[in-house]
Amino acid sequence: MALIITDDCISCDICEPECPNEAISAGDDIYVIDPGRCTECVGHYDRPQCRQVCPVDCIPQDPERVESRGALMARYQTLTAA
């Protein structure tokens, strides 16, 4: 699954630099995650780094984007191939 950032986000700027795939960016009111770039850190780390540093725990898995670890690894390989 890709991750999402909920409305509980306080725009603290901590998660964006932690994302190895540059999937997190500032939105209008809160940060947002590009599901086409999010691999939940598969290929980089054991756990999603954004979730590790978030002080308000507002980054759950997106139930609308169910993906296997294999799919996340394939995205990682695509993103890092360039």
PDB file of N, CA and C in Angstrom:
ATOM      1  N   MET A   1       0.831  -1.182   0.000  1.00  0.00           N
ATOM      2  CA  MET A   1       0.000   0.000   0.000  1.00  0.00           C
ATOM      3  C   MET A   1       0.871   1.239   0.000  1.00  0.00           C
ATOM      4  N   ALA A   2       0.433   2.226  -0.670  1.00  0.00           N
ATOM      5  CA  ALA A   2       1.069   3.531  -0.532  1.00  0.00           C
ATOM      6  C   ALA A   2       0.565   4.125   0.783  1.00  0.00           C
ATOM      7  N   LEU A   3       1.271   5.087   1.268  1.00  0.00           N
ATOM      8  CA  LEU A   3       0.873   5.760   2.489  1.00  0.00           C
ATOM      9  C   LEU A   3       0.148   7.050   2.139  1.00  0.00           C
ATOM     10  N   ILE A   4      -0.623   7.571   3.086  1.00  0.00           N
ATOM     11  CA  ILE A   4      -1.286   8.858   2.918  1.00  0.00           C
ATOM     12  C   ILE A   4      -1.020   9.692   4.163  1.00  0.00           C
ATOM     13  N   ILE A   5      -1.172  10.981   4.025  1.00  0.00           N
ATOM     14  CA  ILE A   5      -1.050  11.887   5.159  1.00  0.00           C
ATOM     15  C   ILE A   5      -2.446  12.437   5.435  1.00  0.00           C
ATOM     16  N   THR A   6      -2.885  12.299   6.667  1.00  0.00           N
ATOM     17  CA  THR A   6      -4.242  12.711   7.031  1.00  0.00           C
ATOM     18  C   THR A   6      -4.289  14.194   7.401  1.00  0.00           C
ATOM     19  N   ASP A   7      -5.511  14.666   7.622  1.00  0.00           N
ATOM     20  CA  ASP A   7      -5.735  16.056   8.010  1.00  0.00           C
ATOM     21  C   ASP A   7      -5.153  16.384   9.377  1.00  0.00           C
ATOM     22  N   ASP A   8      -4.705  15.385  10.108  1.00  0.00           N
ATOM     23  CA  ASP A   8      -4.070  15.630  11.402  1.00  0.00           C
ATOM     24  C   ASP A   8      -2.661  16.203  11.250  1.00  0.00           C
ATOM     25  N   CYS A   9      -2.156  16.238  10.031  1.00  0.00           N
ATOM     26  CA  CYS A   9      -0.812  16.757   9.749  1.00  0.00           C
ATOM     27  C   CYS A   9      -0.692  18.191  10.264  1.00  0.00           C
ATOM     28  N   ILE A  10       0.420  18.478  10.927  1.00  0.00           N
ATOM     29  CA  ILE A  10       0.673  19.826  11.441  1.00  0.00           C
ATOM     30  C   ILE A  10       1.708  20.567  10.577  1.00  0.00           C
ATOM     31  N   SER A  11       2.026  20.025   9.431  1.00  0.00           N
ATOM     32  CA  SER A  11       2.986  20.628   8.492  1.00  0.00           C
ATOM     33  C   SER A  11       4.294  20.999   9.185  1.00  0.00           C
ATOM     34  N   CYS A  12       4.838  20.067   9.910  1.00  0.00           N
ATOM     35  CA  CYS A  12       6.046  20.315  10.693  1.00  0.00           C
ATOM     36  C   CYS A  12       7.324  20.222   9.863  1.00  0.00           C
ATOM     37  N   ASP A  13       7.230  19.771   8.621  1.00  0.00           N
ATOM     38  CA  ASP A  13       8.364  19.679   7.693  1.00  0.00           C
ATOM     39  C   ASP A  13       9.347  18.558   8.011  1.00  0.00           C
ATOM     40  N   ILE A  14       9.011  17.653   8.902  1.00  0.00           N
ATOM     41  CA  ILE A  14       9.958  16.604   9.285  1.00  0.00           C
ATOM     42  C   ILE A  14       9.965  15.443   8.291  1.00  0.00           C
ATOM     43  N   CYS A  15       8.818  15.081   7.755  1.00  0.00           N
ATOM     44  CA  CYS A  15       8.725  13.889   6.905  1.00  0.00           C
ATOM     45  C   CYS A  15       9.331  14.063   5.521  1.00  0.00           C
ATOM     46  N   GLU A  16       9.187  15.225   4.935  1.00  0.00           N
ATOM     47  CA  GLU A  16       9.612  15.422   3.545  1.00  0.00           C
ATOM     48  C   GLU A  16      11.074  15.041   3.297  1.00  0.00           C
ATOM     49  N   PRO A  17      12.027  15.535   4.072  1.00  0.00           N
ATOM     50  CA  PRO A  17      13.425  15.163   3.789  1.00  0.00           C
ATOM     51  C   PRO A  17      13.765  13.713   4.113  1.00  0.00           C
ATOM     52  N   GLU A  18      12.920  13.028   4.861  1.00  0.00           N
ATOM     53  CA  GLU A  18      13.176  11.633   5.215  1.00  0.00           C
ATOM     54  C   GLU A  18      12.822  10.659   4.104  1.00  0.00           C
ATOM     55  N   CYS A  19      12.005  11.084   3.151  1.00  0.00           N
ATOM     56  CA  CYS A  19      11.534  10.180   2.095  1.00  0.00           C
ATOM     57  C   CYS A  19      12.619   9.947   1.052  1.00  0.00           C
ATOM     58  N   PRO A  20      13.107   8.717   0.910  1.00  0.00           N
ATOM     59  CA  PRO A  20      14.165   8.436  -0.062  1.00  0.00           C
ATOM     60  C   PRO A  20      13.695   8.484  -1.516  1.00  0.00           C
ATOM     61  N   ASN A  21      12.381   8.467  -1.720  1.00  0.00           N
ATOM     62  CA  ASN A  21      11.828   8.473  -3.074  1.00  0.00           C
ATOM     63  C   ASN A  21      11.302   9.842  -3.495  1.00  0.00           C
ATOM     64  N   GLU A  22      11.463  10.840  -2.633  1.00  0.00           N
ATOM     65  CA  GLU A  22      10.937  12.180  -2.894  1.00  0.00           C
ATOM     66  C   GLU A  22       9.447  12.139  -3.217  1.00  0.00           C
ATOM     67  N   ALA A  23       8.718  11.297  -2.481  1.00  0.00           N
ATOM     68  CA  ALA A  23       7.281  11.145  -2.695  1.00  0.00           C
ATOM     69  C   ALA A  23       6.463  12.140  -1.883  1.00  0.00           C
ATOM     70  N   ILE A  24       7.073  12.814  -0.926  1.00  0.00           N
ATOM     71  CA  ILE A  24       6.355  13.730  -0.042  1.00  0.00           C
ATOM     72  C   ILE A  24       6.643  15.169  -0.447  1.00  0.00           C
ATOM     73  N   SER A  25       5.567  15.956  -0.538  1.00  0.00           N
ATOM     74  CA  SER A  25       5.724  17.374  -0.867  1.00  0.00           C
ATOM     75  C   SER A  25       4.670  18.183  -0.127  1.00  0.00           C
ATOM     76  N   ALA A  26       4.904  19.475  -0.061  1.00  0.00           N
ATOM     77  CA  ALA A  26       3.954  20.363   0.601  1.00  0.00           C
ATOM     78  C   ALA A  26       2.726  20.529  -0.277  1.00  0.00           C
ATOM     79  N   GLY A  27       1.561  20.322   0.328  1.00  0.00           N
ATOM     80  CA  GLY A  27       0.306  20.566  -0.361  1.00  0.00           C
ATOM     81  C   GLY A  27      -0.208  21.943   0.017  1.00  0.00           C
ATOM     82  N   ASP A  28      -1.462  22.212  -0.264  1.00  0.00           N
ATOM     83  CA  ASP A  28      -2.029  23.514   0.073  1.00  0.00           C
ATOM     84  C   ASP A  28      -2.060  23.744   1.582  1.00  0.00           C
ATOM     85  N   ASP A  29      -2.539  22.751   2.334  1.00  0.00           N
ATOM     86  CA  ASP A  29      -2.658  22.906   3.782  1.00  0.00           C
ATOM     87  C   ASP A  29      -1.788  21.924   4.563  1.00  0.00           C
ATOM     88  N   ILE A  30      -1.587  20.749   4.002  1.00  0.00           N
ATOM     89  CA  ILE A  30      -0.806  19.709   4.662  1.00  0.00           C
ATOM     90  C   ILE A  30       0.124  19.077   3.641  1.00  0.00           C
ATOM     91  N   TYR A  31       1.048  18.269   4.113  1.00  0.00           N
ATOM     92  CA  TYR A  31       1.920  17.540   3.198  1.00  0.00           C
ATOM     93  C   TYR A  31       1.129  16.432   2.517  1.00  0.00           C
ATOM     94  N   VAL A  32       1.579  16.042   1.333  1.00  0.00           N
ATOM     95  CA  VAL A  32       0.910  14.994   0.563  1.00  0.00           C
ATOM     96  C   VAL A  32       1.956  13.986   0.089  1.00  0.00           C
ATOM     97  N   ILE A  33       1.493  12.777  -0.185  1.00  0.00           N
ATOM     98  CA  ILE A  33       2.361  11.715  -0.682  1.00  0.00           C
ATOM     99  C   ILE A  33       1.911  11.324  -2.083  1.00  0.00           C
ATOM    100  N   ASP A  34       2.846  11.298  -3.009  1.00  0.00           N
ATOM    101  CA  ASP A  34       2.587  10.867  -4.379  1.00  0.00           C
ATOM    102  C   ASP A  34       2.593   9.337  -4.377  1.00  0.00           C
ATOM    103  N   PRO A  35       1.438   8.700  -4.578  1.00  0.00           N
ATOM    104  CA  PRO A  35       1.387   7.240  -4.526  1.00  0.00           C
ATOM    105  C   PRO A  35       2.202   6.568  -5.628  1.00  0.00           C
ATOM    106  N   GLY A  36       2.505   7.280  -6.681  1.00  0.00           N
ATOM    107  CA  GLY A  36       3.325   6.730  -7.751  1.00  0.00           C
ATOM    108  C   GLY A  36       4.808   6.666  -7.395  1.00  0.00           C
ATOM    109  N   ARG A  37       5.187   7.336  -6.317  1.00  0.00           N
ATOM    110  CA  ARG A  37       6.578   7.333  -5.872  1.00  0.00           C
ATOM    111  C   ARG A  37       6.753   6.653  -4.516  1.00  0.00           C
ATOM    112  N   CYS A  38       5.676   6.442  -3.788  1.00  0.00           N
ATOM    113  CA  CYS A  38       5.764   5.845  -2.445  1.00  0.00           C
ATOM    114  C   CYS A  38       5.961   4.332  -2.536  1.00  0.00           C
ATOM    115  N   THR A  39       7.014   3.859  -1.885  1.00  0.00           N
ATOM    116  CA  THR A  39       7.261   2.414  -1.805  1.00  0.00           C
ATOM    117  C   THR A  39       7.238   1.946  -0.353  1.00  0.00           C
ATOM    118  N   GLU A  40       6.758   2.822   0.545  1.00  0.00           N
ATOM    119  CA  GLU A  40       6.814   2.543   1.983  1.00  0.00           C
ATOM    120  C   GLU A  40       8.251   2.240   2.401  1.00  0.00           C
ATOM    121  N   CYS A  41       9.187   2.812   1.694  1.00  0.00           N
ATOM    122  CA  CYS A  41      10.626   2.660   1.914  1.00  0.00           C
ATOM    123  C   CYS A  41      11.143   1.259   1.598  1.00  0.00           C
ATOM    124  N   VAL A  42      10.323   0.411   0.985  1.00  0.00           N
ATOM    125  CA  VAL A  42      10.793  -0.904   0.539  1.00  0.00           C
ATOM    126  C   VAL A  42      11.964  -0.672  -0.413  1.00  0.00           C
ATOM    127  N   GLY A  43      13.030  -1.402  -0.201  1.00  0.00           N
ATOM    128  CA  GLY A  43      14.232  -1.257  -1.003  1.00  0.00           C
ATOM    129  C   GLY A  43      15.248  -0.318  -0.366  1.00  0.00           C
ATOM    130  N   HIS A  44      14.788   0.535   0.517  1.00  0.00           N
ATOM    131  CA  HIS A  44      15.673   1.479   1.202  1.00  0.00           C
ATOM    132  C   HIS A  44      15.839   1.140   2.684  1.00  0.00           C
ATOM    133  N   TYR A  45      14.718   0.939   3.365  1.00  0.00           N
ATOM    134  CA  TYR A  45      14.704   0.730   4.815  1.00  0.00           C
ATOM    135  C   TYR A  45      13.706  -0.370   5.178  1.00  0.00           C
ATOM    136  N   ASP A  46      13.779  -0.829   6.410  1.00  0.00           N
ATOM    137  CA  ASP A  46      12.849  -1.857   6.893  1.00  0.00           C
ATOM    138  C   ASP A  46      11.464  -1.289   7.170  1.00  0.00           C
ATOM    139  N   ARG A  47      11.409  -0.003   7.517  1.00  0.00           N
ATOM    140  CA  ARG A  47      10.134   0.639   7.847  1.00  0.00           C
ATOM    141  C   ARG A  47      10.032   1.997   7.168  1.00  0.00           C
ATOM    142  N   PRO A  48       8.809   2.458   6.908  1.00  0.00           N
ATOM    143  CA  PRO A  48       8.644   3.786   6.312  1.00  0.00           C
ATOM    144  C   PRO A  48       9.233   4.865   7.225  1.00  0.00           C
ATOM    145  N   GLN A  49      10.172   5.616   6.711  1.00  0.00           N
ATOM    146  CA  GLN A  49      10.861   6.615   7.501  1.00  0.00           C
ATOM    147  C   GLN A  49       9.950   7.774   7.900  1.00  0.00           C
ATOM    148  N   CYS A  50       9.026   8.139   7.051  1.00  0.00           N
ATOM    149  CA  CYS A  50       8.116   9.233   7.386  1.00  0.00           C
ATOM    150  C   CYS A  50       7.291   8.895   8.626  1.00  0.00           C
ATOM    151  N   ARG A  51       6.861   7.656   8.712  1.00  0.00           N
ATOM    152  CA  ARG A  51       6.080   7.226   9.874  1.00  0.00           C
ATOM    153  C   ARG A  51       6.934   7.201  11.140  1.00  0.00           C
ATOM    154  N   GLN A  52       8.217   6.919  10.985  1.00  0.00           N
ATOM    155  CA  GLN A  52       9.125   6.864  12.127  1.00  0.00           C
ATOM    156  C   GLN A  52       9.314   8.243  12.758  1.00  0.00           C
ATOM    157  N   VAL A  53       9.331   9.287  11.941  1.00  0.00           N
ATOM    158  CA  VAL A  53       9.616  10.627  12.450  1.00  0.00           C
ATOM    159  C   VAL A  53       8.388  11.484  12.705  1.00  0.00           C
ATOM    160  N   CYS A  54       7.231  11.079  12.233  1.00  0.00           N
ATOM    161  CA  CYS A  54       6.016  11.894  12.372  1.00  0.00           C
ATOM    162  C   CYS A  54       5.634  12.059  13.850  1.00  0.00           C
ATOM    163  N   PRO A  55       5.580  13.300  14.342  1.00  0.00           N
ATOM    164  CA  PRO A  55       5.266  13.511  15.753  1.00  0.00           C
ATOM    165  C   PRO A  55       3.786  13.360  16.103  1.00  0.00           C
ATOM    166  N   VAL A  56       2.909  13.345  15.086  1.00  0.00           N
ATOM    167  CA  VAL A  56       1.474  13.236  15.369  1.00  0.00           C
ATOM    168  C   VAL A  56       0.848  11.961  14.814  1.00  0.00           C
ATOM    169  N   ASP A  57       1.669  11.062  14.293  1.00  0.00           N
ATOM    170  CA  ASP A  57       1.185   9.764  13.801  1.00  0.00           C
ATOM    171  C   ASP A  57       0.024   9.923  12.816  1.00  0.00           C
ATOM    172  N   CYS A  58       0.261  10.702  11.776  1.00  0.00           N
ATOM    173  CA  CYS A  58      -0.813  10.974  10.811  1.00  0.00           C
ATOM    174  C   CYS A  58      -0.540  10.371   9.432  1.00  0.00           C
ATOM    175  N   ILE A  59       0.273   9.293   9.378  1.00  0.00           N
ATOM    176  CA  ILE A  59       0.626   8.694   8.084  1.00  0.00           C
ATOM    177  C   ILE A  59       0.254   7.207   8.073  1.00  0.00           C
ATOM    178  N   PRO A  60      -1.026   6.919   7.850  1.00  0.00           N
ATOM    179  CA  PRO A  60      -1.447   5.516   7.771  1.00  0.00           C
ATOM    180  C   PRO A  60      -1.291   4.970   6.357  1.00  0.00           C
ATOM    181  N   GLN A  61      -1.509   3.684   6.212  1.00  0.00           N
ATOM    182  CA  GLN A  61      -1.539   3.079   4.888  1.00  0.00           C
ATOM    183  C   GLN A  61      -2.844   3.491   4.218  1.00  0.00           C
ATOM    184  N   ASP A  62      -2.782   3.684   2.926  1.00  0.00           N
ATOM    185  CA  ASP A  62      -3.939   4.102   2.141  1.00  0.00           C
ATOM    186  C   ASP A  62      -4.761   2.866   1.773  1.00  0.00           C
ATOM    187  N   PRO A  63      -5.965   2.719   2.339  1.00  0.00           N
ATOM    188  CA  PRO A  63      -6.770   1.534   2.035  1.00  0.00           C
ATOM    189  C   PRO A  63      -7.247   1.488   0.583  1.00  0.00           C
ATOM    190  N   GLU A  64      -7.143   2.599  -0.116  1.00  0.00           N
ATOM    191  CA  GLU A  64      -7.541   2.661  -1.528  1.00  0.00           C
ATOM    192  C   GLU A  64      -6.437   2.166  -2.456  1.00  0.00           C
ATOM    193  N   ARG A  65      -5.240   1.951  -1.915  1.00  0.00           N
ATOM    194  CA  ARG A  65      -4.097   1.545  -2.735  1.00  0.00           C
ATOM    195  C   ARG A  65      -3.406   0.336  -2.125  1.00  0.00           C
ATOM    196  N   VAL A  66      -4.085  -0.786  -2.142  1.00  0.00           N
ATOM    197  CA  VAL A  66      -3.530  -2.016  -1.601  1.00  0.00           C
ATOM    198  C   VAL A  66      -2.487  -2.561  -2.581  1.00  0.00           C
ATOM    199  N   GLU A  67      -1.250  -2.719  -2.085  1.00  0.00           N
ATOM    200  CA  GLU A  67      -0.161  -3.208  -2.926  1.00  0.00           C
ATOM    201  C   GLU A  67       0.673  -4.209  -2.132  1.00  0.00           C
ATOM    202  N   SER A  68       1.153  -5.214  -2.814  1.00  0.00           N
ATOM    203  CA  SER A  68       1.999  -6.219  -2.169  1.00  0.00           C
ATOM    204  C   SER A  68       3.415  -5.682  -2.016  1.00  0.00           C
ATOM    205  N   ARG A  69       4.185  -6.348  -1.189  1.00  0.00           N
ATOM    206  CA  ARG A  69       5.594  -5.984  -1.040  1.00  0.00           C
ATOM    207  C   ARG A  69       6.315  -6.113  -2.387  1.00  0.00           C
ATOM    208  N   GLY A  70       5.927  -7.105  -3.166  1.00  0.00           N
ATOM    209  CA  GLY A  70       6.520  -7.285  -4.488  1.00  0.00           C
ATOM    210  C   GLY A  70       6.238  -6.109  -5.409  1.00  0.00           C
ATOM    211  N   ALA A  71       5.031  -5.582  -5.360  1.00  0.00           N
ATOM    212  CA  ALA A  71       4.677  -4.417  -6.173  1.00  0.00           C
ATOM    213  C   ALA A  71       5.467  -3.189  -5.723  1.00  0.00           C
ATOM    214  N   LEU A  72       5.630  -3.054  -4.412  1.00  0.00           N
ATOM    215  CA  LEU A  72       6.408  -1.929  -3.883  1.00  0.00           C
ATOM    216  C   LEU A  72       7.872  -2.059  -4.285  1.00  0.00           C
ATOM    217  N   MET A  73       8.406  -3.265  -4.271  1.00  0.00           N
ATOM    218  CA  MET A  73       9.789  -3.492  -4.692  1.00  0.00           C
ATOM    219  C   MET A  73       9.958  -3.195  -6.178  1.00  0.00           C
ATOM    220  N   ALA A  74       8.983  -3.576  -6.982  1.00  0.00           N
ATOM    221  CA  ALA A  74       9.040  -3.289  -8.424  1.00  0.00           C
ATOM    222  C   ALA A  74       9.047  -1.779  -8.653  1.00  0.00           C
ATOM    223  N   ARG A  75       8.259  -1.026  -7.890  1.00  0.00           N
ATOM    224  CA  ARG A  75       8.249   0.429  -8.022  1.00  0.00           C
ATOM    225  C   ARG A  75       9.616   0.987  -7.605  1.00  0.00           C
ATOM    226  N   TYR A  76      10.151   0.478  -6.511  1.00  0.00           N
ATOM    227  CA  TYR A  76      11.488   0.895  -6.055  1.00  0.00           C
ATOM    228  C   TYR A  76      12.513   0.691  -7.176  1.00  0.00           C
ATOM    229  N   GLN A  77      12.477  -0.480  -7.807  1.00  0.00           N
ATOM    230  CA  GLN A  77      13.430  -0.780  -8.877  1.00  0.00           C
ATOM    231  C   GLN A  77      13.251   0.154 -10.062  1.00  0.00           C
ATOM    232  N   THR A  78      12.030   0.480 -10.391  1.00  0.00           N
ATOM    233  CA  THR A  78      11.751   1.414 -11.475  1.00  0.00           C
ATOM    234  C   THR A  78      12.276   2.808 -11.136  1.00  0.00           C
ATOM    235  N   LEU A  79      12.013   3.243  -9.915  1.00  0.00           N
ATOM    236  CA  LEU A  79      12.420   4.585  -9.492  1.00  0.00           C
ATOM    237  C   LEU A  79      13.939   4.728  -9.407  1.00  0.00           C
ATOM    238  N   THR A  80      14.622   3.670  -9.052  1.00  0.00           N
ATOM    239  CA  THR A  80      16.070   3.757  -8.882  1.00  0.00           C
ATOM    240  C   THR A  80      16.844   3.362 -10.142  1.00  0.00           C
ATOM    241  N   ALA A  81      16.165   2.914 -11.165  1.00  0.00           N
ATOM    242  CA  ALA A  81      16.832   2.494 -12.389  1.00  0.00           C
ATOM    243  C   ALA A  81      17.390   3.671 -13.191  1.00  0.00           C
ATOM    244  N   ALA A  82      16.804   4.820 -13.016  1.00  0.00           N
ATOM    245  CA  ALA A  82      17.224   5.999 -13.821  1.00  0.00           C
ATOM    246  C   ALA A  82      18.566   6.544 -13.424  1.00  0.00           C
TER     247      ALA A  82
END
